C-alpha atoms as a PDB file:
ATOM      1  CA  MET A   1     -34.404 -30.041 -23.130  1.00  0.00           C
ATOM      2  CA  LYS A   2     -37.270 -27.380 -20.725  1.00  0.00           C
ATOM      3  CA  ARG A   3     -35.141 -28.956 -17.984  1.00  0.00           C
ATOM      4  CA  ILE A   4     -31.245 -28.182 -18.879  1.00  0.00           C
ATOM      5  CA  VAL A   5     -32.507 -25.019 -19.584  1.00  0.00           C
ATOM      6  CA  SER A   6     -33.963 -24.145 -16.366  1.00  0.00           C
ATOM      7  CA  ILE A   7     -30.866 -25.833 -15.005  1.00  0.00           C
ATOM      8  CA  LEU A   8     -28.572 -23.615 -17.163  1.00  0.00           C
ATOM      9  CA  LEU A   9     -30.492 -20.374 -16.324  1.00  0.00           C
ATOM     10  CA  VAL A  10     -30.365 -21.429 -11.695  1.00  0.00           C
ATOM     11  CA  LEU A  11     -26.296 -22.071 -12.858  1.00  0.00           C
ATOM     12  CA  VAL A  12     -26.173 -18.493 -14.501  1.00  0.00           C
ATOM     13  CA  LEU A  13     -27.888 -17.058 -12.044  1.00  0.00           C
ATOM     14  CA  ALA A  14     -25.607 -18.806  -9.857  1.00  0.00           C
ATOM     15  CA  VAL A  15     -22.703 -17.267 -10.889  1.00  0.00           C
ATOM     16  CA  ALA A  16     -23.872 -13.252 -11.386  1.00  0.00           C
ATOM     17  CA  ALA A  17     -25.203 -13.468  -7.795  1.00  0.00           C
ATOM     18  CA  THR A  18     -21.780 -14.889  -7.417  1.00  0.00           C
ATOM     19  CA  GLU A  19     -20.467 -11.285  -9.073  1.00  0.00           C
ATOM     20  CA  SER A  20     -22.105  -9.084  -7.900  1.00  0.00           C
ATOM     21  CA  ASP A  21     -21.627  -9.874  -3.912  1.00  0.00           C
ATOM     22  CA  PHE A  22     -18.589  -9.600  -5.550  1.00  0.00           C
ATOM     23  CA  GLU A  23     -18.528  -5.988  -7.298  1.00  0.00           C
ATOM     24  CA  LYS A  24     -20.544  -4.819  -3.823  1.00  0.00           C
ATOM     25  CA  TYR A  25     -18.099  -6.814  -1.544  1.00  0.00           C
ATOM     26  CA  ILE A  26     -15.386  -4.989  -3.428  1.00  0.00           C
ATOM     27  CA  LYS A  27     -17.406  -1.363  -3.050  1.00  0.00           C
ATOM     28  CA  LYS A  28     -17.179  -1.173  -0.028  1.00  0.00           C
ATOM     29  CA  TYR A  29     -14.016  -2.364   0.701  1.00  0.00           C
ATOM     30  CA  SER A  30     -11.849  -0.734  -1.588  1.00  0.00           C
ATOM     31  CA  PRO A  31     -11.135   2.427   0.816  1.00  0.00           C
ATOM     32  CA  ILE A  32     -10.107   0.711   3.619  1.00  0.00           C
ATOM     33  CA  ALA A  33      -7.700  -0.835   1.315  1.00  0.00           C
ATOM     34  CA  VAL A  34      -5.868   1.811  -0.572  1.00  0.00           C
ATOM     35  CA  SER A  35      -6.022   3.206   3.302  1.00  0.00           C
ATOM     36  CA  GLU A  36      -4.131   0.563   3.816  1.00  0.00           C
ATOM     37  CA  MET A  37      -2.037   0.312   1.377  1.00  0.00           C
ATOM     38  CA  GLN A  38      -1.515   3.460   1.727  1.00  0.00           C
ATOM     39  CA  ARG A  39      -0.581   3.914   5.946  1.00  0.00           C
ATOM     40  CA  THR A  40       1.281   0.337   5.327  1.00  0.00           C
ATOM     41  CA  GLY A  41       2.370  -1.274   2.277  1.00  0.00           C
ATOM     42  CA  VAL A  42      -0.154  -3.413   1.114  1.00  0.00           C
ATOM     43  CA  PRO A  43      -0.740  -3.637  -1.917  1.00  0.00           C
ATOM     44  CA  ALA A  44      -4.827  -2.171  -2.668  1.00  0.00           C
ATOM     45  CA  SER A  45      -5.015  -5.160  -4.724  1.00  0.00           C
ATOM     46  CA  ILE A  46      -3.724  -7.372  -3.092  1.00  0.00           C
ATOM     47  CA  THR A  47      -5.809  -7.485  -0.033  1.00  0.00           C
ATOM     48  CA  LEU A  48      -8.430  -6.897  -1.270  1.00  0.00           C
ATOM     49  CA  ALA A  49      -8.671 -10.064  -3.165  1.00  0.00           C
ATOM     50  CA  GLN A  50      -7.457 -12.219   0.020  1.00  0.00           C
ATOM     51  CA  GLY A  51     -10.621 -10.775   1.488  1.00  0.00           C
ATOM     52  CA  LEU A  52     -12.420 -11.910  -1.664  1.00  0.00           C
ATOM     53  CA  VAL A  53     -10.878 -15.152  -1.173  1.00  0.00           C
ATOM     54  CA  GLU A  54     -10.715 -15.967   2.384  1.00  0.00           C
ATOM     55  CA  SER A  55     -14.114 -14.444   3.715  1.00  0.00           C
ATOM     56  CA  ALA A  56     -16.694 -15.816   0.575  1.00  0.00           C
ATOM     57  CA  ALA A  57     -16.942 -12.042  -0.224  1.00  0.00           C
ATOM     58  CA  GLY A  58     -18.120 -11.902   3.477  1.00  0.00           C
ATOM     59  CA  LYS A  59     -20.081 -14.218   3.460  1.00  0.00           C
ATOM     60  CA  SER A  60     -18.115 -16.405   5.229  1.00  0.00           C
ATOM     61  CA  THR A  61     -18.904 -17.415   8.680  1.00  0.00           C
ATOM     62  CA  LEU A  62     -15.989 -15.799  10.280  1.00  0.00           C
ATOM     63  CA  ALA A  63     -16.434 -12.464   8.879  1.00  0.00           C
ATOM     64  CA  SER A  64     -20.346 -12.067   9.000  1.00  0.00           C
ATOM     65  CA  LYS A  65     -19.630 -12.909  12.703  1.00  0.00           C
ATOM     66  CA  SER A  66     -16.679 -12.542  13.907  1.00  0.00           C
ATOM     67  CA  ASN A  67     -15.420  -9.867  11.191  1.00  0.00           C
ATOM     68  CA  ASN A  68     -12.515 -11.529  10.615  1.00  0.00           C
ATOM     69  CA  HIS A  69     -12.293 -10.692   7.267  1.00  0.00           C
ATOM     70  CA  PHE A  70      -8.659 -12.869   6.182  1.00  0.00           C
ATOM     71  CA  GLY A  71      -8.769 -16.083   8.645  1.00  0.00           C
ATOM     72  CA  ILE A  72      -6.248 -15.204  10.164  1.00  0.00           C
ATOM     73  CA  LYS A  73      -5.419 -17.190  13.827  1.00  0.00           C
ATOM     74  CA  CYS A  74      -5.269 -15.731  17.354  1.00  0.00           C
ATOM     75  CA  HIS A  75      -1.288 -17.052  17.959  1.00  0.00           C
ATOM     76  CA  SER A  76       0.459 -16.409  20.795  1.00  0.00           C
ATOM     77  CA  ASP A  77       0.143 -12.491  20.884  1.00  0.00           C
ATOM     78  CA  TRP A  78      -3.796 -12.077  21.371  1.00  0.00           C
ATOM     79  CA  LYS A  79      -5.121 -10.597  23.322  1.00  0.00           C
ATOM     80  CA  GLY A  80      -8.308  -9.742  22.307  1.00  0.00           C
ATOM     81  CA  ARG A  81     -12.184 -12.465  21.435  1.00  0.00           C
ATOM     82  CA  LYS A  82     -12.324 -14.819  20.083  1.00  0.00           C
ATOM     83  CA  THR A  83     -13.220 -17.810  18.058  1.00  0.00           C
ATOM     84  CA  TYR A  84     -13.055 -21.386  18.040  1.00  0.00           C
ATOM     85  CA  ARG A  85     -13.897 -23.330  14.698  1.00  0.00           C
ATOM     86  CA  ASP A  86     -12.677 -26.698  13.094  1.00  0.00           C
ATOM     87  CA  ASP A  87     -10.290 -26.438   9.686  1.00  0.00           C
ATOM     88  CA  ASP A  88      -6.595 -27.341   9.320  1.00  0.00           C
ATOM     89  CA  LYS A  89      -7.132 -28.804  12.555  1.00  0.00           C
ATOM     90  CA  ALA A  90     -10.197 -29.042  15.476  1.00  0.00           C
ATOM     91  CA  MET A  91     -11.168 -26.700  17.176  1.00  0.00           C
ATOM     92  CA  GLU A  92      -8.486 -23.814  15.455  1.00  0.00           C
ATOM     93  CA  CYS A  93      -8.860 -20.587  17.042  1.00  0.00           C
ATOM     94  CA  PHE A  94      -8.999 -17.199  15.841  1.00  0.00           C
ATOM     95  CA  ARG A  95      -9.692 -13.974  15.657  1.00  0.00           C
ATOM     96  CA  VAL A  96     -12.810 -11.558  16.652  1.00  0.00           C
ATOM     97  CA  TYR A  97     -12.903  -7.936  15.361  1.00  0.00           C
ATOM     98  CA  SER A  98     -15.516  -5.256  16.093  1.00  0.00           C
ATOM     99  CA  ASN A  99     -16.305  -4.171  13.005  1.00  0.00           C
ATOM    100  CA  ALA A 100     -14.974  -5.205   9.523  1.00  0.00           C
ATOM    101  CA  ASN A 101     -12.213  -2.139   9.263  1.00  0.00           C
ATOM    102  CA  ALA A 102     -10.828  -2.862  13.005  1.00  0.00           C
ATOM    103  CA  SER A 103      -9.721  -7.007  11.061  1.00  0.00           C
ATOM    104  CA  PHE A 104      -8.401  -5.388   7.649  1.00  0.00           C
ATOM    105  CA  LYS A 105      -5.881  -2.583   9.583  1.00  0.00           C
ATOM    106  CA  ASP A 106      -5.377  -6.142  11.511  1.00  0.00           C
ATOM    107  CA  HIS A 107      -4.285  -7.705   8.784  1.00  0.00           C
ATOM    108  CA  SER A 108      -2.207  -4.810   7.138  1.00  0.00           C
ATOM    109  CA  ASP A 109      -0.823  -4.815  10.604  1.00  0.00           C
ATOM    110  CA  PHE A 110      -0.043  -8.617  10.233  1.00  0.00           C
ATOM    111  CA  LEU A 111       2.042  -8.773   7.354  1.00  0.00           C
ATOM    112  CA  ARG A 112       3.536  -5.260   8.015  1.00  0.00           C
ATOM    113  CA  TYR A 113       5.116  -7.246  11.942  1.00  0.00           C
ATOM    114  CA  GLN A 114       5.345 -10.762  11.368  1.00  0.00           C
ATOM    115  CA  ASP A 115       9.277 -11.491   9.969  1.00  0.00           C
ATOM    116  CA  ARG A 116       8.170 -13.981   7.966  1.00  0.00           C
ATOM    117  CA  TYR A 117       6.456 -12.184   5.575  1.00  0.00           C
ATOM    118  CA  LYS A 118       9.224  -9.478   5.646  1.00  0.00           C
ATOM    119  CA  PHE A 119      10.524 -10.296   1.931  1.00  0.00           C
ATOM    120  CA  LEU A 120       7.248  -8.277   0.991  1.00  0.00           C
ATOM    121  CA  PHE A 121       8.077  -5.616   1.318  1.00  0.00           C
ATOM    122  CA  ASP A 122      11.141  -5.332  -1.058  1.00  0.00           C
ATOM    123  CA  LEU A 123       8.695  -6.522  -4.234  1.00  0.00           C
ATOM    124  CA  ASP A 124       7.839  -3.857  -6.596  1.00  0.00           C
ATOM    125  CA  PRO A 125       4.257  -2.484  -4.548  1.00  0.00           C
ATOM    126  CA  THR A 126       1.786  -2.907  -7.846  1.00  0.00           C
ATOM    127  CA  ASP A 127       3.580  -6.823  -8.675  1.00  0.00           C
ATOM    128  CA  TYR A 128       0.296  -8.309  -7.399  1.00  0.00           C
ATOM    129  CA  LYS A 129       2.149 -11.743  -9.279  1.00  0.00           C
ATOM    130  CA  ALA A 130       4.767 -11.350  -7.453  1.00  0.00           C
ATOM    131  CA  TRP A 131       3.186 -10.378  -3.705  1.00  0.00           C
ATOM    132  CA  ALA A 132       0.419 -13.977  -4.445  1.00  0.00           C
ATOM    133  CA  ARG A 133       3.290 -16.116  -4.528  1.00  0.00           C
ATOM    134  CA  GLY A 134       4.940 -14.127  -1.405  1.00  0.00           C
ATOM    135  CA  LEU A 135       2.105 -15.073   1.151  1.00  0.00           C
ATOM    136  CA  LYS A 136       1.759 -18.627   0.101  1.00  0.00           C
ATOM    137  CA  GLN A 137       5.796 -19.312  -0.172  1.00  0.00           C
ATOM    138  CA  ALA A 138       5.916 -18.067   3.087  1.00  0.00           C
ATOM    139  CA  GLY A 139       2.728 -19.682   4.553  1.00  0.00           C
ATOM    140  CA  TYR A 140       0.256 -17.654   5.027  1.00  0.00           C
ATOM    141  CA  ALA A 141      -2.649 -20.125   3.377  1.00  0.00           C
ATOM    142  CA  THR A 142      -2.181 -24.145   3.146  1.00  0.00           C
ATOM    143  CA  ASP A 143      -4.346 -24.119  -0.361  1.00  0.00           C
ATOM    144  CA  PRO A 144      -1.201 -24.980  -3.084  1.00  0.00           C
ATOM    145  CA  LYS A 145      -3.770 -23.527  -5.672  1.00  0.00           C
ATOM    146  CA  TYR A 146      -4.066 -20.412  -2.984  1.00  0.00           C
ATOM    147  CA  ALA A 147      -1.005 -17.615  -4.611  1.00  0.00           C
ATOM    148  CA  ASP A 148      -3.659 -18.574  -8.082  1.00  0.00           C
ATOM    149  CA  LYS A 149      -6.378 -17.852  -7.068  1.00  0.00           C
ATOM    150  CA  LEU A 150      -5.972 -14.213  -5.474  1.00  0.00           C
ATOM    151  CA  ILE A 151      -4.000 -13.687  -8.978  1.00  0.00           C
ATOM    152  CA  LYS A 152      -7.814 -14.855 -11.048  1.00  0.00           C
ATOM    153  CA  VAL A 153      -9.821 -13.031  -8.916  1.00  0.00           C
ATOM    154  CA  ILE A 154      -6.883  -9.836  -8.688  1.00  0.00           C
ATOM    155  CA  GLU A 155      -7.285 -10.202 -13.170  1.00  0.00           C
ATOM    156  CA  ASP A 156     -11.531 -11.028 -12.692  1.00  0.00           C
ATOM    157  CA  TYR A 157     -11.734  -7.271 -11.301  1.00  0.00           C
ATOM    158  CA  SER A 158      -9.013  -4.933 -11.958  1.00  0.00           C
ATOM    159  CA  LEU A 159      -8.191  -5.309  -8.556  1.00  0.00           C
ATOM    160  CA  TYR A 160      -4.434  -4.596  -9.534  1.00  0.00           C
ATOM    161  CA  ARG A 161      -6.056  -0.282 -10.225  1.00  0.00           C
ATOM    162  CA  PHE A 162      -6.738   0.589  -7.297  1.00  0.00           C
ATOM    163  CA  ASP A 163      -2.354  -0.098  -6.735  1.00  0.00           C
ATOM    164  CA  LYS A 164      -1.757   2.701  -8.169  1.00  0.00           C
ATOM    165  CA  ASN A 165      -2.686   6.467  -6.465  1.00  0.00           C
ATOM    166  CA  THR A 166      -5.546   7.329  -8.323  1.00  0.00           C
ATOM    167  CA  GLU A 167      -4.853  10.747  -8.558  1.00  0.00           C
ATOM    168  CA  ASP A 168      -8.508  11.693  -9.767  1.00  0.00           C
ATOM    169  CA  ILE A 169      -9.631  11.924  -6.352  1.00  0.00           C
ATOM    170  CA  PRO A 170      -9.992  15.439  -5.183  1.00  0.00           C
ATOM    171  CA  GLU A 171      -6.807  17.041  -3.081  1.00  0.00           C
ATOM    172  CA  PRO A 172      -7.894  19.726  -0.361  1.00  0.00           C
ATOM    173  CA  PRO A 173      -5.223  23.061  -0.833  1.00  0.00           C
ATOM    174  CA  LEU A 174      -2.105  22.021  -0.159  1.00  0.00           C
ATOM    175  CA  ALA A 175       0.888  24.572   0.456  1.00  0.00           C
ATOM    176  CA  ILE A 176       4.821  23.411   0.534  1.00  0.00           C
ATOM    177  CA  GLU A 177       6.674  26.045  -0.208  1.00  0.00           C
ATOM    178  CA  GLN A 178       8.143  25.304   2.939  1.00  0.00           C
ATOM    179  CA  PRO A 179       8.195  21.844   4.481  1.00  0.00           C
ATOM    180  CA  VAL A 180       5.611  22.243   7.549  1.00  0.00           C
ATOM    181  CA  VAL A 181       6.760  20.786  10.875  1.00  0.00           C
ATOM    182  CA  VAL A 182       4.893  17.748  12.781  1.00  0.00           C
ATOM    183  CA  SER A 183       5.245  17.585  16.627  1.00  0.00           C
ATOM    184  CA  ARG A 184       6.428  14.024  17.077  1.00  0.00           C
ATOM    185  CA  ALA A 185       3.677  13.163  20.023  1.00  0.00           C
ATOM    186  CA  GLU A 186       1.825  13.712  16.281  1.00  0.00           C
ATOM    187  CA  ALA A 187       4.036  11.906  14.028  1.00  0.00           C
ATOM    188  CA  ARG A 188       3.945   9.141  15.645  1.00  0.00           C
ATOM    189  CA  GLU A 189       0.014   8.585  17.153  1.00  0.00           C
ATOM    190  CA  GLU A 190      -0.447   8.605  13.393  1.00  0.00           C
ATOM    191  CA  VAL A 191       2.468   7.781  11.745  1.00  0.00           C
ATOM    192  CA  ARG A 192       3.827   4.763  13.771  1.00  0.00           C
ATOM    193  CA  PHE A 193       7.566   6.271  13.465  1.00  0.00           C
ATOM    194  CA  SER A 194      10.156   6.392  15.891  1.00  0.00           C
ATOM    195  CA  LEU A 195      11.953   9.246  15.657  1.00  0.00           C
ATOM    196  CA  THR A 196      14.760  11.273  17.706  1.00  0.00           C
ATOM    197  CA  ARG A 197      14.364  14.217  15.529  1.00  0.00           C
ATOM    198  CA  ASN A 198      11.413  16.935  14.164  1.00  0.00           C
ATOM    199  CA  VAL A 199       9.228  15.157  11.274  1.00  0.00           C
ATOM    200  CA  PHE A 200       8.166  17.671   7.697  1.00  0.00           C
ATOM    201  CA  GLU A 201       6.708  17.438   5.585  1.00  0.00           C
ATOM    202  CA  ILE A 202       6.263  18.098   1.509  1.00  0.00           C
ATOM    203  CA  ASN A 203       3.494  17.829  -0.162  1.00  0.00           C
ATOM    204  CA  GLY A 204       1.419  15.868   2.821  1.00  0.00           C
ATOM    205  CA  VAL A 205       4.327  13.837   2.995  1.00  0.00           C
ATOM    206  CA  PRO A 206       6.833  13.026   5.599  1.00  0.00           C
ATOM    207  CA  CYS A 207       9.724  13.013   5.388  1.00  0.00           C
ATOM    208  CA  ILE A 208      13.197  13.647   8.691  1.00  0.00           C
ATOM    209  CA  TYR A 209      16.688  15.911   6.774  1.00  0.00           C
ATOM    210  CA  ALA A 210      19.425  13.479   6.922  1.00  0.00           C
ATOM    211  CA  VAL A 211      22.783  14.417   8.748  1.00  0.00           C
ATOM    212  CA  GLU A 212      26.167  13.225   9.098  1.00  0.00           C
ATOM    213  CA  GLY A 213      26.601   9.494  10.048  1.00  0.00           C
ATOM    214  CA  ASP A 214      22.889   8.140   8.639  1.00  0.00           C
ATOM    215  CA  THR A 215      22.800   6.006   5.888  1.00  0.00           C
ATOM    216  CA  TYR A 216      19.139   4.732   4.604  1.00  0.00           C
ATOM    217  CA  ALA A 217      19.920   1.708   5.963  1.00  0.00           C
ATOM    218  CA  SER A 218      19.989   3.050  10.040  1.00  0.00           C
ATOM    219  CA  LEU A 219      17.442   5.083   9.020  1.00  0.00           C
ATOM    220  CA  ALA A 220      15.229   2.639   7.870  1.00  0.00           C
ATOM    221  CA  ALA A 221      15.268   1.144  11.221  1.00  0.00           C
ATOM    222  CA  SER A 222      14.876   3.405  13.548  1.00  0.00           C
ATOM    223  CA  ASN A 223      11.891   4.471  11.779  1.00  0.00           C
ATOM    224  CA  GLY A 224       9.504   1.313  11.975  1.00  0.00           C
ATOM    225  CA  LEU A 225      10.762   0.831   7.999  1.00  0.00           C
ATOM    226  CA  PHE A 226      12.226  -1.706   5.573  1.00  0.00           C
ATOM    227  CA  GLU A 227      15.837  -0.828   2.825  1.00  0.00           C
ATOM    228  CA  GLY A 228      13.899  -1.110   0.489  1.00  0.00           C
ATOM    229  CA  GLU A 229      10.250   0.240   1.390  1.00  0.00           C
ATOM    230  CA  ILE A 230      12.760   3.313   2.135  1.00  0.00           C
ATOM    231  CA  LEU A 231      14.955   3.851  -0.574  1.00  0.00           C
ATOM    232  CA  ARG A 232      11.066   2.668  -2.824  1.00  0.00           C
ATOM    233  CA  PHE A 233      10.011   6.316  -1.033  1.00  0.00           C
ATOM    234  CA  ASN A 234      13.197   8.086  -1.881  1.00  0.00           C
ATOM    235  CA  ASP A 235      13.236   6.244  -6.133  1.00  0.00           C
ATOM    236  CA  ARG A 236      16.610   4.816  -4.783  1.00  0.00           C
ATOM    237  CA  LEU A 237      17.070   1.949  -6.821  1.00  0.00           C
ATOM    238  CA  SER A 238      20.219   0.990  -4.457  1.00  0.00           C
ATOM    239  CA  SER A 239      21.670   2.331  -1.501  1.00  0.00           C
ATOM    240  CA  THR A 240      23.628   5.296  -1.942  1.00  0.00           C
ATOM    241  CA  GLU A 241      25.626   7.839   0.525  1.00  0.00           C
ATOM    242  CA  LEU A 242      23.265  10.450   2.421  1.00  0.00           C
ATOM    243  CA  LYS A 243      25.093  14.040   2.431  1.00  0.00           C
ATOM    244  CA  PRO A 244      23.200  15.616   5.483  1.00  0.00           C
ATOM    245  CA  GLY A 245      21.065  17.805   4.782  1.00  0.00           C
ATOM    246  CA  GLU A 246      19.767  15.145   2.129  1.00  0.00           C
ATOM    247  CA  ILE A 247      15.410  15.308   2.542  1.00  0.00           C
ATOM    248  CA  VAL A 248      14.045  11.768   3.518  1.00  0.00           C
ATOM    249  CA  PHE A 249      10.988  10.251   2.617  1.00  0.00           C
ATOM    250  CA  LEU A 250       9.507   7.855   5.468  1.00  0.00           C
ATOM    251  CA  GLN A 251       6.179   6.915   2.751  1.00  0.00           C
ATOM    252  CA  ALA A 252       5.741   7.063  -0.921  1.00  0.00           C
ATOM    253  CA  LYS A 253       5.733  10.089  -2.347  1.00  0.00           C
ATOM    254  CA  LYS A 254       2.451  10.947  -4.585  1.00  0.00           C
ATOM    255  CA  ASN A 255       2.165  11.195  -8.093  1.00  0.00           C
ATOM    256  CA  LYS A 256       1.038  14.903  -8.376  1.00  0.00           C
ATOM    257  CA  ALA A 257       2.034  18.062  -6.533  1.00  0.00           C
ATOM    258  CA  ALA A 258       0.038  19.715  -4.089  1.00  0.00           C
ATOM    259  CA  ARG A 259      -2.533  22.394  -6.564  1.00  0.00           C
ATOM    260  CA  GLY A 260      -1.143  25.724  -7.129  1.00  0.00           C
ATOM    261  CA  VAL A 261       2.694  23.628  -8.020  1.00  0.00           C
ATOM    262  CA  PRO A 262       1.303  22.914 -11.673  1.00  0.00           C
ATOM    263  CA  LYS A 263       5.565  22.893 -13.578  1.00  0.00           C
ATOM    264  CA  TYR A 264       9.104  23.845 -12.216  1.00  0.00           C
ATOM    265  CA  ILE A 265      10.953  26.158 -14.128  1.00  0.00           C
ATOM    266  CA  ALA A 266      14.645  24.389 -14.402  1.00  0.00           C
ATOM    267  CA  GLY A 267      17.448  26.618 -12.846  1.00  0.00           C
ATOM    268  CA  PRO A 268      21.405  26.257 -13.226  1.00  0.00           C
ATOM    269  CA  ASP A 269      21.502  24.258 -10.026  1.00  0.00           C
ATOM    270  CA  GLY A 270      21.969  21.271 -12.545  1.00  0.00           C
ATOM    271  CA  ALA A 271      19.486  19.701  -9.982  1.00  0.00           C
ATOM    272  CA  SER A 272      18.292  16.051 -11.827  1.00  0.00           C
ATOM    273  CA  LEU A 273      14.681  14.563 -11.666  1.00  0.00           C
ATOM    274  CA  ARG A 274      15.156  12.717  -8.692  1.00  0.00           C
ATOM    275  CA  ASP A 275      16.015  15.495  -7.178  1.00  0.00           C
ATOM    276  CA  ILE A 276      12.749  17.837  -8.338  1.00  0.00           C
ATOM    277  CA  ALA A 277      10.510  14.575  -7.732  1.00  0.00           C
ATOM    278  CA  GLN A 278      11.422  15.417  -3.433  1.00  0.00           C
ATOM    279  CA  ARG A 279      11.889  18.945  -3.685  1.00  0.00           C
ATOM    280  CA  PHE A 280       8.617  18.482  -4.442  1.00  0.00           C
ATOM    281  CA  GLY A 281       7.253  15.211  -2.421  1.00  0.00           C
ATOM    282  CA  VAL A 282       6.195  13.496  -6.021  1.00  0.00           C
ATOM    283  CA  ARG A 283       7.490  10.650  -7.113  1.00  0.00           C
ATOM    284  CA  LEU A 284      10.501   9.743 -10.236  1.00  0.00           C
ATOM    285  CA  ALA A 285       8.637   7.567 -12.181  1.00  0.00           C
ATOM    286  CA  ALA A 286       5.021  10.260 -12.356  1.00  0.00           C
ATOM    287  CA  ILE A 287       7.671  13.122 -12.989  1.00  0.00           C
ATOM    288  CA  CYS A 288       8.355  11.149 -15.800  1.00  0.00           C
ATOM    289  CA  ARG A 289       5.571  10.109 -16.905  1.00  0.00           C
ATOM    290  CA  TYR A 290       3.633  13.429 -17.703  1.00  0.00           C
ATOM    291  CA  ASN A 291       6.975  15.193 -19.174  1.00  0.00           C
ATOM    292  CA  GLY A 292       7.908  11.616 -21.741  1.00  0.00           C
ATOM    293  CA  LEU A 293      11.502  12.040 -20.027  1.00  0.00           C
ATOM    294  CA  PRO A 294      13.651   8.784 -18.744  1.00  0.00           C
ATOM    295  CA  GLY A 295      14.881   9.315 -14.553  1.00  0.00           C
ATOM    296  CA  ASP A 296      17.813   9.925 -15.489  1.00  0.00           C
ATOM    297  CA  CYS A 297      17.786  12.981 -17.069  1.00  0.00           C
ATOM    298  CA  VAL A 298      19.080  16.627 -16.011  1.00  0.00           C
ATOM    299  CA  PRO A 299      17.230  19.586 -17.221  1.00  0.00           C
ATOM    300  CA  LEU A 300      18.266  21.745 -19.023  1.00  0.00           C
ATOM    301  CA  GLU A 301      18.258  25.443 -17.328  1.00  0.00           C
ATOM    302  CA  GLY A 302      14.766  27.162 -18.162  1.00  0.00           C
ATOM    303  CA  ASP A 303      13.334  24.183 -19.211  1.00  0.00           C
ATOM    304  CA  THR A 304       9.194  23.671 -17.635  1.00  0.00           C
ATOM    305  CA  ILE A 305       8.646  20.475 -16.056  1.00  0.00           C
ATOM    306  CA  LEU A 306       5.493  19.044 -14.869  1.00  0.00           C
ATOM    307  CA  LEU A 307       4.565  18.388 -11.553  1.00  0.00           C
ATOM    308  CA  ARG A 308       1.007  17.243 -12.008  1.00  0.00           C
ATOM    309  CA  ARG A 309      -1.458  16.628 -15.375  1.00  0.00           C
ATOM    310  CA  LYS A 310      -2.054  19.254 -17.260  1.00  0.00           C
END
């Protein structure tokens, strides 16, 4: 009996240690996962789940010795350091990184710019189940239960909470009375867009003004985006005609307006909630949530529309 109790105690301690490793990993790497989600659109929950599964919470040899947290192999385009180990085949080539952050960034770019993963970015970024199944479908891993493993980790550790644009993170004061011009050089370096016109910022989010002949598809193609992404950034369910002068965001809008802009008083111009969302660089879903209104609502003159939580 004592032996059985001892064995059970060892098993409990082993599980606790594993859970502790997972929690430590999540705490350590959730900031870079969220940052990469904002940069490339890969859901933070998916990034963290893949990191946990692929690297055994950072304990695998590949992660601990080569800083490779996602099991990414060399492929023909890899110019960095390499290491070799047995995997699906003997002595396969894997990428080596200088630090873990470099691995997280390369993982985001690997998904973002590989054609076989292109369809993922047309999915709802909060639908982690669809993303997990999509990764398996695209051949990220050969394990037939790969998607189920990712989903279980996400749900066991509530990783989906990181997919929400955390509104509780303090922001520095932002002045957004007028759009701020971002130089072309800065735009290329920080936002990674290739543009032939000025980039502006509204509420800290890069955007441009449409000109005659622009379409969402053409702007997506010229700025290194997928059409589904640019539609989502601009609260469109499908492609619609762009009018000259219309604001087009090139990254996801924020969940709240800048400090000092808590609300908007509707005027006589008949602006819809989406129009207001575009004007202030705030997600339409957030404005609907703050005000308890449907997305197709057109406020009446004098109505108060909250742009931030009370």
